[in-house]
PDB file of all heavy atoms in Angstrom:
ATOM      1  N   SER A   1      -2.619 -10.755  -7.459  1.00  0.00           N
ATOM      2  CA  SER A   1      -2.079 -11.994  -6.909  1.00  0.00           C
ATOM      3  C   SER A   1      -1.535 -12.861  -8.036  1.00  0.00           C
ATOM      4  O   SER A   1      -2.011 -12.786  -9.185  1.00  0.00           O
ATOM      5  CB  SER A   1      -3.192 -12.795  -6.190  1.00  0.00           C
ATOM      6  OG  SER A   1      -3.739 -12.064  -5.160  1.00  0.00           O
ATOM      7  N   CYS A   2      -0.481 -13.637  -7.730  1.00  0.00           N
ATOM      8  CA  CYS A   2       0.123 -14.490  -8.711  1.00  0.00           C
ATOM      9  C   CYS A   2       0.678 -15.739  -8.081  1.00  0.00           C
ATOM     10  O   CYS A   2       1.790 -15.726  -7.557  1.00  0.00           O
ATOM     11  CB  CYS A   2       1.210 -13.719  -9.483  1.00  0.00           C
ATOM     12  SG  CYS A   2       1.979 -14.701 -10.792  1.00  0.00           S
ATOM     13  N   PRO A   3      -0.059 -16.840  -8.088  1.00  0.00           N
ATOM     14  CA  PRO A   3       0.477 -18.091  -7.600  1.00  0.00           C
ATOM     15  C   PRO A   3       1.265 -18.827  -8.673  1.00  0.00           C
ATOM     16  O   PRO A   3       0.891 -18.819  -9.847  1.00  0.00           O
ATOM     17  CB  PRO A   3      -0.765 -18.862  -7.192  1.00  0.00           C
ATOM     18  CG  PRO A   3      -1.823 -18.371  -8.128  1.00  0.00           C
ATOM     19  CD  PRO A   3      -1.474 -16.906  -8.418  1.00  0.00           C
ATOM     20  N   ALA A   4       2.375 -19.436  -8.244  1.00  0.00           N
ATOM     21  CA  ALA A   4       3.145 -20.299  -9.127  1.00  0.00           C
ATOM     22  C   ALA A   4       2.814 -21.760  -8.834  1.00  0.00           C
ATOM     23  O   ALA A   4       2.641 -22.127  -7.673  1.00  0.00           O
ATOM     24  CB  ALA A   4       4.636 -20.081  -8.934  1.00  0.00           C
ATOM     25  N   SER A   5       2.679 -22.561  -9.860  1.00  0.00           N
ATOM     26  CA  SER A   5       2.334 -23.970  -9.700  1.00  0.00           C
ATOM     27  C   SER A   5       3.012 -24.796 -10.733  1.00  0.00           C
ATOM     28  O   SER A   5       3.485 -24.315 -11.743  1.00  0.00           O
ATOM     29  CB  SER A   5       0.817 -24.168  -9.795  1.00  0.00           C
ATOM     30  OG  SER A   5       0.331 -23.803 -11.071  1.00  0.00           O
ATOM     31  N   GLY A   6       3.118 -26.126 -10.453  1.00  0.00           N
ATOM     32  CA  GLY A   6       3.745 -27.021 -11.391  1.00  0.00           C
ATOM     33  C   GLY A   6       4.939 -27.704 -10.812  1.00  0.00           C
ATOM     34  O   GLY A   6       5.025 -28.023  -9.629  1.00  0.00           O
ATOM     35  N   ASN A   7       5.917 -27.993 -11.677  1.00  0.00           N
ATOM     36  CA  ASN A   7       7.096 -28.712 -11.294  1.00  0.00           C
ATOM     37  C   ASN A   7       8.122 -27.806 -10.618  1.00  0.00           C
ATOM     38  O   ASN A   7       9.159 -27.443 -11.201  1.00  0.00           O
ATOM     39  CB  ASN A   7       7.715 -29.427 -12.509  1.00  0.00           C
ATOM     40  CG  ASN A   7       6.755 -30.370 -13.193  1.00  0.00           C
ATOM     41  OD1 ASN A   7       6.388 -30.194 -14.351  1.00  0.00           O
ATOM     42  ND2 ASN A   7       6.340 -31.396 -12.458  1.00  0.00           N
ATOM     43  N   ILE A   8       7.810 -27.409  -9.394  1.00  0.00           N
ATOM     44  CA  ILE A   8       8.582 -26.452  -8.662  1.00  0.00           C
ATOM     45  C   ILE A   8       9.411 -27.128  -7.561  1.00  0.00           C
ATOM     46  O   ILE A   8       8.864 -27.800  -6.725  1.00  0.00           O
ATOM     47  CB  ILE A   8       7.692 -25.370  -8.020  1.00  0.00           C
ATOM     48  CG1 ILE A   8       6.968 -24.598  -9.155  1.00  0.00           C
ATOM     49  CG2 ILE A   8       8.518 -24.440  -7.165  1.00  0.00           C
ATOM     50  CD1 ILE A   8       5.902 -23.638  -8.632  1.00  0.00           C
ATOM     51  N   PHE A   9      10.698 -26.887  -7.592  1.00  0.00           N
ATOM     52  CA  PHE A   9      11.541 -27.338  -6.515  1.00  0.00           C
ATOM     53  C   PHE A   9      11.729 -26.197  -5.492  1.00  0.00           C
ATOM     54  O   PHE A   9      11.644 -26.420  -4.288  1.00  0.00           O
ATOM     55  CB  PHE A   9      12.935 -27.832  -7.021  1.00  0.00           C
ATOM     56  CG  PHE A   9      13.825 -28.268  -5.947  1.00  0.00           C
ATOM     57  CD1 PHE A   9      13.661 -29.471  -5.291  1.00  0.00           C
ATOM     58  CD2 PHE A   9      14.877 -27.441  -5.530  1.00  0.00           C
ATOM     59  CE1 PHE A   9      14.506 -29.886  -4.287  1.00  0.00           C
ATOM     60  CE2 PHE A   9      15.764 -27.864  -4.533  1.00  0.00           C
ATOM     61  CZ  PHE A   9      15.560 -29.080  -3.871  1.00  0.00           C
ATOM     62  N   ARG A  10      12.050 -25.005  -6.030  1.00  0.00           N
ATOM     63  CA  ARG A  10      12.249 -23.877  -5.156  1.00  0.00           C
ATOM     64  C   ARG A  10      11.961 -22.617  -5.920  1.00  0.00           C
ATOM     65  O   ARG A  10      12.295 -22.465  -7.084  1.00  0.00           O
ATOM     66  CB  ARG A  10      13.677 -23.853  -4.614  1.00  0.00           C
ATOM     67  CG  ARG A  10      13.951 -22.761  -3.587  1.00  0.00           C
ATOM     68  CD  ARG A  10      15.314 -22.973  -2.972  1.00  0.00           C
ATOM     69  NE  ARG A  10      15.670 -21.887  -2.062  1.00  0.00           N
ATOM     70  CZ  ARG A  10      15.268 -21.794  -0.797  1.00  0.00           C
ATOM     71  NH1 ARG A  10      14.477 -22.763  -0.265  1.00  0.00           N
ATOM     72  NH2 ARG A  10      15.641 -20.783  -0.051  1.00  0.00           N
ATOM     73  N   VAL A  11      11.365 -21.626  -5.269  1.00  0.00           N
ATOM     74  CA  VAL A  11      11.047 -20.326  -5.841  1.00  0.00           C
ATOM     75  C   VAL A  11      11.980 -19.283  -5.200  1.00  0.00           C
ATOM     76  O   VAL A  11      12.073 -19.187  -3.975  1.00  0.00           O
ATOM     77  CB  VAL A  11       9.590 -19.894  -5.642  1.00  0.00           C
ATOM     78  CG1 VAL A  11       9.306 -18.556  -6.266  1.00  0.00           C
ATOM     79  CG2 VAL A  11       8.658 -20.965  -6.181  1.00  0.00           C
ATOM     80  N   TYR A  12      12.649 -18.539  -6.059  1.00  0.00           N
ATOM     81  CA  TYR A  12      13.554 -17.483  -5.578  1.00  0.00           C
ATOM     82  C   TYR A  12      12.873 -16.113  -5.722  1.00  0.00           C
ATOM     83  O   TYR A  12      11.762 -15.941  -5.202  1.00  0.00           O
ATOM     84  CB  TYR A  12      14.884 -17.574  -6.294  1.00  0.00           C
ATOM     85  CG  TYR A  12      15.609 -18.894  -6.017  1.00  0.00           C
ATOM     86  CD1 TYR A  12      15.461 -19.983  -6.864  1.00  0.00           C
ATOM     87  CD2 TYR A  12      16.414 -19.013  -4.911  1.00  0.00           C
ATOM     88  CE1 TYR A  12      16.102 -21.185  -6.573  1.00  0.00           C
ATOM     89  CE2 TYR A  12      17.016 -20.227  -4.609  1.00  0.00           C
ATOM     90  CZ  TYR A  12      16.875 -21.311  -5.446  1.00  0.00           C
ATOM     91  OH  TYR A  12      17.505 -22.514  -5.151  1.00  0.00           O
ATOM     92  N   THR A  13      13.484 -15.179  -6.370  1.00  0.00           N
ATOM     93  CA  THR A  13      12.920 -13.852  -6.531  1.00  0.00           C
ATOM     94  C   THR A  13      11.624 -13.885  -7.312  1.00  0.00           C
ATOM     95  O   THR A  13      11.495 -14.593  -8.322  1.00  0.00           O
ATOM     96  CB  THR A  13      13.934 -12.907  -7.207  1.00  0.00           C
ATOM     97  OG1 THR A  13      15.076 -12.777  -6.416  1.00  0.00           O
ATOM     98  CG2 THR A  13      13.319 -11.540  -7.441  1.00  0.00           C
ATOM     99  N   MET A  14      10.624 -13.131  -6.836  1.00  0.00           N
ATOM    100  CA  MET A  14       9.354 -12.943  -7.540  1.00  0.00           C
ATOM    101  C   MET A  14       9.127 -11.459  -7.681  1.00  0.00           C
ATOM    102  O   MET A  14       9.685 -10.645  -6.905  1.00  0.00           O
ATOM    103  CB  MET A  14       8.217 -13.578  -6.739  1.00  0.00           C
ATOM    104  CG  MET A  14       8.413 -15.053  -6.402  1.00  0.00           C
ATOM    105  SD  MET A  14       6.975 -15.777  -5.584  1.00  0.00           S
ATOM    106  CE  MET A  14       5.943 -16.121  -7.013  1.00  0.00           C
ATOM    107  N   GLY A  15       8.315 -11.068  -8.657  1.00  0.00           N
ATOM    108  CA  GLY A  15       8.075  -9.649  -8.816  1.00  0.00           C
ATOM    109  C   GLY A  15       7.040  -9.337  -9.875  1.00  0.00           C
ATOM    110  O   GLY A  15       6.351 -10.208 -10.386  1.00  0.00           O
ATOM    111  N   TRP A  16       6.947  -8.043 -10.160  1.00  0.00           N
ATOM    112  CA  TRP A  16       5.946  -7.521 -11.079  1.00  0.00           C
ATOM    113  C   TRP A  16       6.584  -6.534 -12.022  1.00  0.00           C
ATOM    114  O   TRP A  16       7.335  -5.635 -11.612  1.00  0.00           O
ATOM    115  CB  TRP A  16       4.822  -6.814 -10.348  1.00  0.00           C
ATOM    116  CG  TRP A  16       4.032  -7.714  -9.455  1.00  0.00           C
ATOM    117  CD1 TRP A  16       4.261  -8.034  -8.139  1.00  0.00           C
ATOM    118  CD2 TRP A  16       2.850  -8.464  -9.822  1.00  0.00           C
ATOM    119  NE1 TRP A  16       3.314  -8.893  -7.661  1.00  0.00           N
ATOM    120  CE2 TRP A  16       2.442  -9.167  -8.665  1.00  0.00           C
ATOM    121  CE3 TRP A  16       2.128  -8.588 -10.985  1.00  0.00           C
ATOM    122  CZ2 TRP A  16       1.310  -9.980  -8.674  1.00  0.00           C
ATOM    123  CZ3 TRP A  16       1.029  -9.432 -11.013  1.00  0.00           C
ATOM    124  CH2 TRP A  16       0.627 -10.107  -9.864  1.00  0.00           C
ATOM    125  N   TYR A  17       6.278  -6.682 -13.301  1.00  0.00           N
ATOM    126  CA  TYR A  17       6.624  -5.718 -14.358  1.00  0.00           C
ATOM    127  C   TYR A  17       5.321  -5.165 -14.917  1.00  0.00           C
ATOM    128  O   TYR A  17       4.258  -5.772 -14.720  1.00  0.00           O
ATOM    129  CB  TYR A  17       7.411  -6.367 -15.455  1.00  0.00           C
ATOM    130  CG  TYR A  17       8.901  -6.554 -15.199  1.00  0.00           C
ATOM    131  CD1 TYR A  17       9.321  -7.595 -14.385  1.00  0.00           C
ATOM    132  CD2 TYR A  17       9.830  -5.712 -15.787  1.00  0.00           C
ATOM    133  CE1 TYR A  17      10.680  -7.782 -14.131  1.00  0.00           C
ATOM    134  CE2 TYR A  17      11.195  -5.900 -15.558  1.00  0.00           C
ATOM    135  CZ  TYR A  17      11.595  -6.949 -14.723  1.00  0.00           C
ATOM    136  OH  TYR A  17      12.918  -7.106 -14.511  1.00  0.00           O
ATOM    137  N   ARG A  18       5.425  -4.041 -15.576  1.00  0.00           N
ATOM    138  CA  ARG A  18       4.236  -3.518 -16.269  1.00  0.00           C
ATOM    139  C   ARG A  18       4.674  -2.870 -17.607  1.00  0.00           C
ATOM    140  O   ARG A  18       5.815  -2.418 -17.766  1.00  0.00           O
ATOM    141  CB  ARG A  18       3.515  -2.494 -15.439  1.00  0.00           C
ATOM    142  CG  ARG A  18       4.271  -1.182 -15.160  1.00  0.00           C
ATOM    143  CD  ARG A  18       3.451  -0.276 -14.236  1.00  0.00           C
ATOM    144  NE  ARG A  18       4.133   0.982 -13.993  1.00  0.00           N
ATOM    145  CZ  ARG A  18       3.724   1.917 -13.120  1.00  0.00           C
ATOM    146  NH1 ARG A  18       2.635   1.676 -12.374  1.00  0.00           N
ATOM    147  NH2 ARG A  18       4.404   3.041 -12.985  1.00  0.00           N
ATOM    148  N   GLN A  19       3.731  -2.864 -18.545  1.00  0.00           N
ATOM    149  CA  GLN A  19       3.991  -2.238 -19.818  1.00  0.00           C
ATOM    150  C   GLN A  19       2.745  -1.536 -20.329  1.00  0.00           C
ATOM    151  O   GLN A  19       1.681  -2.157 -20.467  1.00  0.00           O
ATOM    152  CB  GLN A  19       4.448  -3.305 -20.833  1.00  0.00           C
ATOM    153  CG  GLN A  19       4.891  -2.693 -22.164  1.00  0.00           C
ATOM    154  CD  GLN A  19       5.601  -3.690 -23.036  1.00  0.00           C
ATOM    155  OE1 GLN A  19       5.383  -4.890 -22.939  1.00  0.00           O
ATOM    156  NE2 GLN A  19       6.451  -3.199 -23.902  1.00  0.00           N
ATOM    157  N   ALA A  20       2.877  -0.262 -20.574  1.00  0.00           N
ATOM    158  CA  ALA A  20       1.799   0.535 -21.103  1.00  0.00           C
ATOM    159  C   ALA A  20       1.979   0.603 -22.650  1.00  0.00           C
ATOM    160  O   ALA A  20       3.084   0.494 -23.126  1.00  0.00           O
ATOM    161  CB  ALA A  20       1.791   1.942 -20.520  1.00  0.00           C
ATOM    162  N   PRO A  21       0.878   0.823 -23.391  1.00  0.00           N
ATOM    163  CA  PRO A  21       0.997   0.930 -24.854  1.00  0.00           C
ATOM    164  C   PRO A  21       1.985   2.007 -25.249  1.00  0.00           C
ATOM    165  O   PRO A  21       1.933   3.135 -24.772  1.00  0.00           O
ATOM    166  CB  PRO A  21      -0.414   1.308 -25.274  1.00  0.00           C
ATOM    167  CG  PRO A  21      -1.291   0.748 -24.208  1.00  0.00           C
ATOM    168  CD  PRO A  21      -0.488   0.936 -22.949  1.00  0.00           C
ATOM    169  N   GLY A  22       2.904   1.643 -26.148  1.00  0.00           N
ATOM    170  CA  GLY A  22       3.886   2.611 -26.663  1.00  0.00           C
ATOM    171  C   GLY A  22       5.044   2.884 -25.702  1.00  0.00           C
ATOM    172  O   GLY A  22       5.858   3.742 -26.019  1.00  0.00           O
ATOM    173  N   LYS A  23       5.107   2.186 -24.590  1.00  0.00           N
ATOM    174  CA  LYS A  23       6.162   2.441 -23.607  1.00  0.00           C
ATOM    175  C   LYS A  23       6.943   1.122 -23.369  1.00  0.00           C
ATOM    176  O   LYS A  23       6.489   0.040 -23.634  1.00  0.00           O
ATOM    177  CB  LYS A  23       5.586   2.969 -22.318  1.00  0.00           C
ATOM    178  CG  LYS A  23       4.850   4.273 -22.415  1.00  0.00           C
ATOM    179  CD  LYS A  23       4.415   4.835 -21.089  1.00  0.00           C
ATOM    180  CE  LYS A  23       5.620   5.184 -20.213  1.00  0.00           C
ATOM    181  NZ  LYS A  23       5.209   5.800 -18.918  1.00  0.00           N
ATOM    182  N   GLN A  24       8.116   1.305 -22.797  1.00  0.00           N
ATOM    183  CA  GLN A  24       8.974   0.196 -22.468  1.00  0.00           C
ATOM    184  C   GLN A  24       8.419  -0.535 -21.228  1.00  0.00           C
ATOM    185  O   GLN A  24       7.840   0.086 -20.347  1.00  0.00           O
ATOM    186  CB  GLN A  24      10.407   0.637 -22.213  1.00  0.00           C
ATOM    187  CG  GLN A  24      11.116   1.226 -23.401  1.00  0.00           C
ATOM    188  CD  GLN A  24      12.561   1.692 -23.067  1.00  0.00           C
ATOM    189  OE1 GLN A  24      12.944   2.787 -23.394  1.00  0.00           O
ATOM    190  NE2 GLN A  24      13.264   0.826 -22.373  1.00  0.00           N
ATOM    191  N   ARG A  25       8.675  -1.834 -21.167  1.00  0.00           N
ATOM    192  CA  ARG A  25       8.348  -2.577 -19.983  1.00  0.00           C
ATOM    193  C   ARG A  25       9.249  -2.155 -18.839  1.00  0.00           C
ATOM    194  O   ARG A  25      10.464  -2.006 -19.061  1.00  0.00           O
ATOM    195  CB  ARG A  25       8.452  -4.090 -20.244  1.00  0.00           C
ATOM    196  CG  ARG A  25       8.019  -4.962 -19.088  1.00  0.00           C
ATOM    197  CD  ARG A  25       7.980  -6.414 -19.452  1.00  0.00           C
ATOM    198  NE  ARG A  25       9.292  -6.943 -19.833  1.00  0.00           N
ATOM    199  CZ  ARG A  25       9.495  -8.155 -20.222  1.00  0.00           C
ATOM    200  NH1 ARG A  25       8.512  -9.062 -20.181  1.00  0.00           N
ATOM    201  NH2 ARG A  25      10.729  -8.559 -20.560  1.00  0.00           N
ATOM    202  N   GLU A  26       8.707  -2.004 -17.662  1.00  0.00           N
ATOM    203  CA  GLU A  26       9.497  -1.547 -16.527  1.00  0.00           C
ATOM    204  C   GLU A  26       9.231  -2.410 -15.312  1.00  0.00           C
ATOM    205  O   GLU A  26       8.136  -2.941 -15.127  1.00  0.00           O
ATOM    206  CB  GLU A  26       9.170  -0.085 -16.186  1.00  0.00           C
ATOM    207  CG  GLU A  26       7.752   0.140 -15.733  1.00  0.00           C
ATOM    208  CD  GLU A  26       7.530   1.584 -15.244  1.00  0.00           C
ATOM    209  OE1 GLU A  26       8.495   2.305 -15.031  1.00  0.00           O
ATOM    210  OE2 GLU A  26       6.332   1.960 -15.040  1.00  0.00           O
ATOM    211  N   LEU A  27      10.244  -2.551 -14.503  1.00  0.00           N
ATOM    212  CA  LEU A  27      10.112  -3.231 -13.236  1.00  0.00           C
ATOM    213  C   LEU A  27       9.341  -2.401 -12.282  1.00  0.00           C
ATOM    214  O   LEU A  27       9.648  -1.193 -12.053  1.00  0.00           O
ATOM    215  CB  LEU A  27      11.483  -3.544 -12.668  1.00  0.00           C
ATOM    216  CG  LEU A  27      11.488  -4.203 -11.245  1.00  0.00           C
ATOM    217  CD1 LEU A  27      10.878  -5.605 -11.324  1.00  0.00           C
ATOM    218  CD2 LEU A  27      12.872  -4.241 -10.688  1.00  0.00           C
ATOM    219  N   VAL A  28       8.290  -2.970 -11.709  1.00  0.00           N
ATOM    220  CA  VAL A  28       7.487  -2.280 -10.693  1.00  0.00           C
ATOM    221  C   VAL A  28       8.010  -2.605  -9.299  1.00  0.00           C
ATOM    222  O   VAL A  28       8.243  -1.682  -8.485  1.00  0.00           O
ATOM    223  CB  VAL A  28       6.017  -2.670 -10.800  1.00  0.00           C
ATOM    224  CG1 VAL A  28       5.190  -2.014  -9.702  1.00  0.00           C
ATOM    225  CG2 VAL A  28       5.491  -2.319 -12.170  1.00  0.00           C
ATOM    226  N   ALA A  29       8.177  -3.850  -8.992  1.00  0.00           N
ATOM    227  CA  ALA A  29       8.612  -4.271  -7.685  1.00  0.00           C
ATOM    228  C   ALA A  29       9.122  -5.673  -7.758  1.00  0.00           C
ATOM    229  O   ALA A  29       8.673  -6.486  -8.571  1.00  0.00           O
ATOM    230  CB  ALA A  29       7.488  -4.166  -6.646  1.00  0.00           C
ATOM    231  N   ALA A  30      10.031  -6.019  -6.842  1.00  0.00           N
ATOM    232  CA  ALA A  30      10.549  -7.381  -6.748  1.00  0.00           C
ATOM    233  C   ALA A  30      10.800  -7.720  -5.302  1.00  0.00           C
ATOM    234  O   ALA A  30      11.027  -6.818  -4.456  1.00  0.00           O
ATOM    235  CB  ALA A  30      11.855  -7.518  -7.550  1.00  0.00           C
ATOM    236  N   ILE A  31      10.774  -8.986  -4.990  1.00  0.00           N
ATOM    237  CA  ILE A  31      10.977  -9.428  -3.630  1.00  0.00           C
ATOM    238  C   ILE A  31      11.735 -10.762  -3.645  1.00  0.00           C
ATOM    239  O   ILE A  31      11.400 -11.658  -4.342  1.00  0.00           O
ATOM    240  CB  ILE A  31       9.635  -9.559  -2.849  1.00  0.00           C
ATOM    241  CG1 ILE A  31       9.851  -9.949  -1.388  1.00  0.00           C
ATOM    242  CG2 ILE A  31       8.702 -10.512  -3.555  1.00  0.00           C
ATOM    243  CD1 ILE A  31       8.601  -9.800  -0.543  1.00  0.00           C
ATOM    244  N   THR A  32      12.747 -10.828  -2.804  1.00  0.00           N
ATOM    245  CA  THR A  32      13.539 -12.056  -2.705  1.00  0.00           C
ATOM    246  C   THR A  32      12.867 -13.055  -1.776  1.00  0.00           C
ATOM    247  O   THR A  32      11.911 -12.715  -1.049  1.00  0.00           O
ATOM    248  CB  THR A  32      14.946 -11.767  -2.205  1.00  0.00           C
ATOM    249  OG1 THR A  32      14.912 -11.356  -0.802  1.00  0.00           O
ATOM    250  CG2 THR A  32      15.626 -10.690  -3.043  1.00  0.00           C
ATOM    251  N   VAL A  33      13.388 -14.271  -1.760  1.00  0.00           N
ATOM    252  CA  VAL A  33      12.803 -15.270  -0.875  1.00  0.00           C
ATOM    253  C   VAL A  33      12.932 -14.876   0.576  1.00  0.00           C
ATOM    254  O   VAL A  33      12.132 -15.252   1.423  1.00  0.00           O
ATOM    255  CB  VAL A  33      13.411 -16.663  -1.162  1.00  0.00           C
ATOM    256  CG1 VAL A  33      14.896 -16.668  -0.754  1.00  0.00           C
ATOM    257  CG2 VAL A  33      12.669 -17.779  -0.448  1.00  0.00           C
ATOM    258  N   GLY A  34      13.975 -14.088   0.868  1.00  0.00           N
ATOM    259  CA  GLY A  34      14.189 -13.640   2.248  1.00  0.00           C
ATOM    260  C   GLY A  34      13.406 -12.401   2.617  1.00  0.00           C
ATOM    261  O   GLY A  34      13.460 -11.933   3.777  1.00  0.00           O
ATOM    262  N   GLY A  35      12.665 -11.806   1.664  1.00  0.00           N
ATOM    263  CA  GLY A  35      11.813 -10.682   1.946  1.00  0.00           C
ATOM    264  C   GLY A  35      12.395  -9.307   1.616  1.00  0.00           C
ATOM    265  O   GLY A  35      11.760  -8.304   1.879  1.00  0.00           O
ATOM    266  N   ASN A  36      13.581  -9.268   1.029  1.00  0.00           N
ATOM    267  CA  ASN A  36      14.105  -7.966   0.580  1.00  0.00           C
ATOM    268  C   ASN A  36      13.340  -7.486  -0.620  1.00  0.00           C
ATOM    269  O   ASN A  36      13.052  -8.266  -1.525  1.00  0.00           O
ATOM    270  CB  ASN A  36      15.584  -8.100   0.225  1.00  0.00           C
ATOM    271  CG  ASN A  36      16.441  -8.399   1.459  1.00  0.00           C
ATOM    272  OD1 ASN A  36      16.228  -7.853   2.558  1.00  0.00           O
ATOM    273  ND2 ASN A  36      17.424  -9.286   1.290  1.00  0.00           N
ATOM    274  N   THR A  37      13.062  -6.196  -0.671  1.00  0.00           N
ATOM    275  CA  THR A  37      12.232  -5.630  -1.705  1.00  0.00           C
ATOM    276  C   THR A  37      12.907  -4.501  -2.499  1.00  0.00           C
ATOM    277  O   THR A  37      13.847  -3.869  -2.009  1.00  0.00           O
ATOM    278  CB  THR A  37      10.901  -5.080  -1.156  1.00  0.00           C
ATOM    279  OG1 THR A  37      11.185  -4.043  -0.192  1.00  0.00           O
ATOM    280  CG2 THR A  37      10.077  -6.187  -0.506  1.00  0.00           C
TER     281      THR A  37
END
């Protein structure tokens, strides 16, 4: 889970990246405000 808080007017795309030791960071998943994944 990942809640965003603070001085927020609007949140657009949200998502998850991951990085294993010795490897490049990669996109795991993303979701738009409209629900496209």
